[in-house]
C-alpha atoms as a PDB file:
ATOM      1  CA  MET A   1     265.109 139.467  23.645  1.00  0.00           C
ATOM      2  CA  LYS A   2     262.076 138.332  21.670  1.00  0.00           C
ATOM      3  CA  LYS A   3     264.243 136.023  19.515  1.00  0.00           C
ATOM      4  CA  LEU A   4     265.769 134.462  22.616  1.00  0.00           C
ATOM      5  CA  LEU A   5     262.314 133.724  24.005  1.00  0.00           C
ATOM      6  CA  VAL A   6     261.177 132.170  20.694  1.00  0.00           C
ATOM      7  CA  TYR A   7     264.334 130.026  20.420  1.00  0.00           C
ATOM      8  CA  SER A   8     264.114 128.953  24.059  1.00  0.00           C
ATOM      9  CA  THR A   9     260.464 127.969  23.710  1.00  0.00           C
ATOM     10  CA  GLY A  10     261.191 126.073  20.494  1.00  0.00           C
ATOM     11  CA  PHE A  11     264.104 124.264  22.097  1.00  0.00           C
ATOM     12  CA  LEU A  12     261.997 123.239  25.096  1.00  0.00           C
ATOM     13  CA  LEU A  13     259.202 121.945  22.863  1.00  0.00           C
ATOM     14  CA  VAL A  14     261.635 119.873  20.783  1.00  0.00           C
ATOM     15  CA  MET A  15     263.225 118.429  23.932  1.00  0.00           C
ATOM     16  CA  PHE A  16     259.795 117.585  25.374  1.00  0.00           C
ATOM     17  CA  PHE A  17     258.683 115.704  22.252  1.00  0.00           C
ATOM     18  CA  CYS A  18     262.029 113.885  21.906  1.00  0.00           C
ATOM     19  CA  THR A  19     261.907 112.767  25.526  1.00  0.00           C
ATOM     20  CA  THR A  20     258.292 111.641  25.217  1.00  0.00           C
ATOM     21  CA  TYR A  21     259.107 109.704  22.056  1.00  0.00           C
ATOM     22  CA  ALA A  22     262.140 108.036  23.626  1.00  0.00           C
ATOM     23  CA  PHE A  23     260.101 106.609  26.507  1.00  0.00           C
ATOM     24  CA  ALA A  24     256.795 106.056  24.733  1.00  0.00           C
ATOM     25  CA  HIS A  25     257.317 102.453  23.697  1.00  0.00           C
ATOM     26  CA  THR A  26     258.955 100.544  26.563  1.00  0.00           C
ATOM     27  CA  PRO A  27     258.235  96.792  26.407  1.00  0.00           C
ATOM     28  CA  LEU A  28     256.464  95.196  29.372  1.00  0.00           C
ATOM     29  CA  CYS A  29     256.111  91.490  30.131  1.00  0.00           C
ATOM     30  CA  SER A  30     255.059  89.622  33.244  1.00  0.00           C
ATOM     31  CA  CYS A  31     254.521  85.897  33.722  1.00  0.00           C
ATOM     32  CA  TYR A  32     252.717  83.830  36.331  1.00  0.00           C
ATOM     33  CA  ASP A  33     252.340  80.133  37.137  1.00  0.00           C
ATOM     34  CA  ASN A  34     248.753  79.016  36.561  1.00  0.00           C
ATOM     35  CA  GLY A  35     249.099  76.218  39.126  1.00  0.00           C
ATOM     36  CA  ASP A  36     248.138  73.567  36.573  1.00  0.00           C
ATOM     37  CA  GLY A  37     251.534  72.944  34.982  1.00  0.00           C
ATOM     38  CA  THR A  38     251.292  75.930  32.640  1.00  0.00           C
ATOM     39  CA  VAL A  39     252.650  79.466  32.685  1.00  0.00           C
ATOM     40  CA  THR A  40     250.979  82.525  31.151  1.00  0.00           C
ATOM     41  CA  CYS A  41     252.846  85.666  30.143  1.00  0.00           C
ATOM     42  CA  GLU A  42     251.129  88.969  29.431  1.00  0.00           C
ATOM     43  CA  GLY A  43     252.850  91.653  27.397  1.00  0.00           C
ATOM     44  CA  GLY A  44     252.420  95.107  26.000  1.00  0.00           C
ATOM     45  CA  PHE A  45     254.076  98.473  25.745  1.00  0.00           C
ATOM     46  CA  SER A  46     254.134 101.472  28.055  1.00  0.00           C
ATOM     47  CA  ASP A  47     252.181 103.537  25.538  1.00  0.00           C
ATOM     48  CA  GLY A  48     249.312 101.023  25.630  1.00  0.00           C
ATOM     49  CA  SER A  49     250.198  99.283  22.363  1.00  0.00           C
ATOM     50  CA  SER A  50     249.277  95.642  21.973  1.00  0.00           C
ATOM     51  CA  ALA A  51     251.930  92.917  21.998  1.00  0.00           C
ATOM     52  CA  ALA A  52     249.922  90.623  19.695  1.00  0.00           C
ATOM     53  CA  GLY A  53     252.294  88.749  17.395  1.00  0.00           C
ATOM     54  CA  ILE A  54     255.431  89.476  19.444  1.00  0.00           C
ATOM     55  CA  SER A  55     257.939  86.602  19.471  1.00  0.00           C
ATOM     56  CA  MET A  56     258.186  84.587  22.687  1.00  0.00           C
ATOM     57  CA  THR A  57     260.886  82.036  23.465  1.00  0.00           C
ATOM     58  CA  VAL A  58     261.392  79.809  26.488  1.00  0.00           C
ATOM     59  CA  LYS A  59     265.060  78.915  26.943  1.00  0.00           C
ATOM     60  CA  ASP A  60     266.726  76.332  29.164  1.00  0.00           C
ATOM     61  CA  LYS A  61     269.640  77.183  31.453  1.00  0.00           C
ATOM     62  CA  SER A  62     272.146  76.758  28.597  1.00  0.00           C
ATOM     63  CA  GLY A  63     270.239  79.285  26.459  1.00  0.00           C
ATOM     64  CA  LYS A  64     268.769  76.706  24.054  1.00  0.00           C
ATOM     65  CA  ALA A  65     265.238  77.474  22.838  1.00  0.00           C
ATOM     66  CA  ILE A  66     262.865  74.786  24.105  1.00  0.00           C
ATOM     67  CA  ILE A  67     259.525  76.480  23.324  1.00  0.00           C
ATOM     68  CA  GLU A  68     258.816  79.149  20.695  1.00  0.00           C
ATOM     69  CA  GLY A  69     255.645  81.023  19.888  1.00  0.00           C
ATOM     70  CA  LYS A  70     253.975  84.406  19.669  1.00  0.00           C
ATOM     71  CA  MET A  71     251.706  86.520  21.821  1.00  0.00           C
ATOM     72  CA  ASN A  72     248.048  85.942  20.879  1.00  0.00           C
ATOM     73  CA  GLU A  73     245.485  88.636  20.031  1.00  0.00           C
ATOM     74  CA  ASP A  74     245.029  89.296  23.760  1.00  0.00           C
ATOM     75  CA  SER A  75     248.810  89.844  24.192  1.00  0.00           C
ATOM     76  CA  GLU A  76     249.141  86.562  26.104  1.00  0.00           C
ATOM     77  CA  PHE A  77     251.384  83.527  25.682  1.00  0.00           C
ATOM     78  CA  THR A  78     250.697  80.293  27.575  1.00  0.00           C
ATOM     79  CA  PHE A  79     253.056  77.325  27.627  1.00  0.00           C
ATOM     80  CA  LYS A  80     253.702  74.087  29.515  1.00  0.00           C
ATOM     81  CA  LYS A  81     256.052  74.809  32.406  1.00  0.00           C
ATOM     82  CA  PRO A  82     259.423  73.167  31.710  1.00  0.00           C
ATOM     83  CA  LYS A  83     261.316  71.193  34.329  1.00  0.00           C
ATOM     84  CA  GLY A  84     264.510  72.759  35.660  1.00  0.00           C
ATOM     85  CA  ASP A  85     265.860  76.269  35.193  1.00  0.00           C
ATOM     86  CA  TYR A  86     264.445  78.349  32.346  1.00  0.00           C
ATOM     87  CA  LYS A  87     263.751  81.897  31.260  1.00  0.00           C
ATOM     88  CA  VAL A  88     261.108  83.510  29.068  1.00  0.00           C
ATOM     89  CA  VAL A  89     262.188  86.002  26.402  1.00  0.00           C
ATOM     90  CA  PHE A  90     259.771  88.626  25.053  1.00  0.00           C
ATOM     91  CA  ASP A  91     261.477  89.863  21.868  1.00  0.00           C
ATOM     92  CA  ALA A  92     260.000  92.889  20.102  1.00  0.00           C
ATOM     93  CA  GLY A  93     263.285  93.733  18.345  1.00  0.00           C
ATOM     94  CA  PRO A  94     266.537  95.473  19.271  1.00  0.00           C
ATOM     95  CA  GLY A  95     266.182  97.471  22.467  1.00  0.00           C
ATOM     96  CA  HIS A  96     262.776  95.915  23.136  1.00  0.00           C
ATOM     97  CA  VAL A  97     263.660  92.611  24.796  1.00  0.00           C
ATOM     98  CA  VAL A  98     262.443  91.521  28.222  1.00  0.00           C
ATOM     99  CA  GLU A  99     263.781  88.391  29.933  1.00  0.00           C
ATOM    100  CA  VAL A 100     261.854  86.827  32.814  1.00  0.00           C
ATOM    101  CA  PRO A 101     263.777  84.197  34.836  1.00  0.00           C
ATOM    102  CA  GLY A 102     261.713  81.119  35.689  1.00  0.00           C
ATOM    103  CA  SER A 103     262.693  81.550  39.341  1.00  0.00           C
ATOM    104  CA  GLU A 104     260.635  84.772  39.412  1.00  0.00           C
ATOM    105  CA  ILE A 105     257.480  83.156  37.998  1.00  0.00           C
ATOM    106  CA  THR A 106     255.098  82.276  40.835  1.00  0.00           C
ATOM    107  CA  GLU A 107     251.408  81.565  41.346  1.00  0.00           C
END
């Protein structure tokens, strides 16, 4: 009975830490129209990590990159708002990509 309790407790602890690790680094990115012809995106991770240096790409409706850059030291990326349909791509690597359609970016 004692062994069962030890194994059960160990199993639960391993599952807890694996689950915490799996969800500890979700990418977050939101963008807003500054009202002056520019758009600012703010990024980060669910565990509070900075997004400084993360690759940012603005793509037109055909998927062609029209603006490329990186998040600054404040985890922000500002760019001139393109005409027509576009989307912003926050790319922190496989499984850590966030796409924000231009139609969802408002003041």
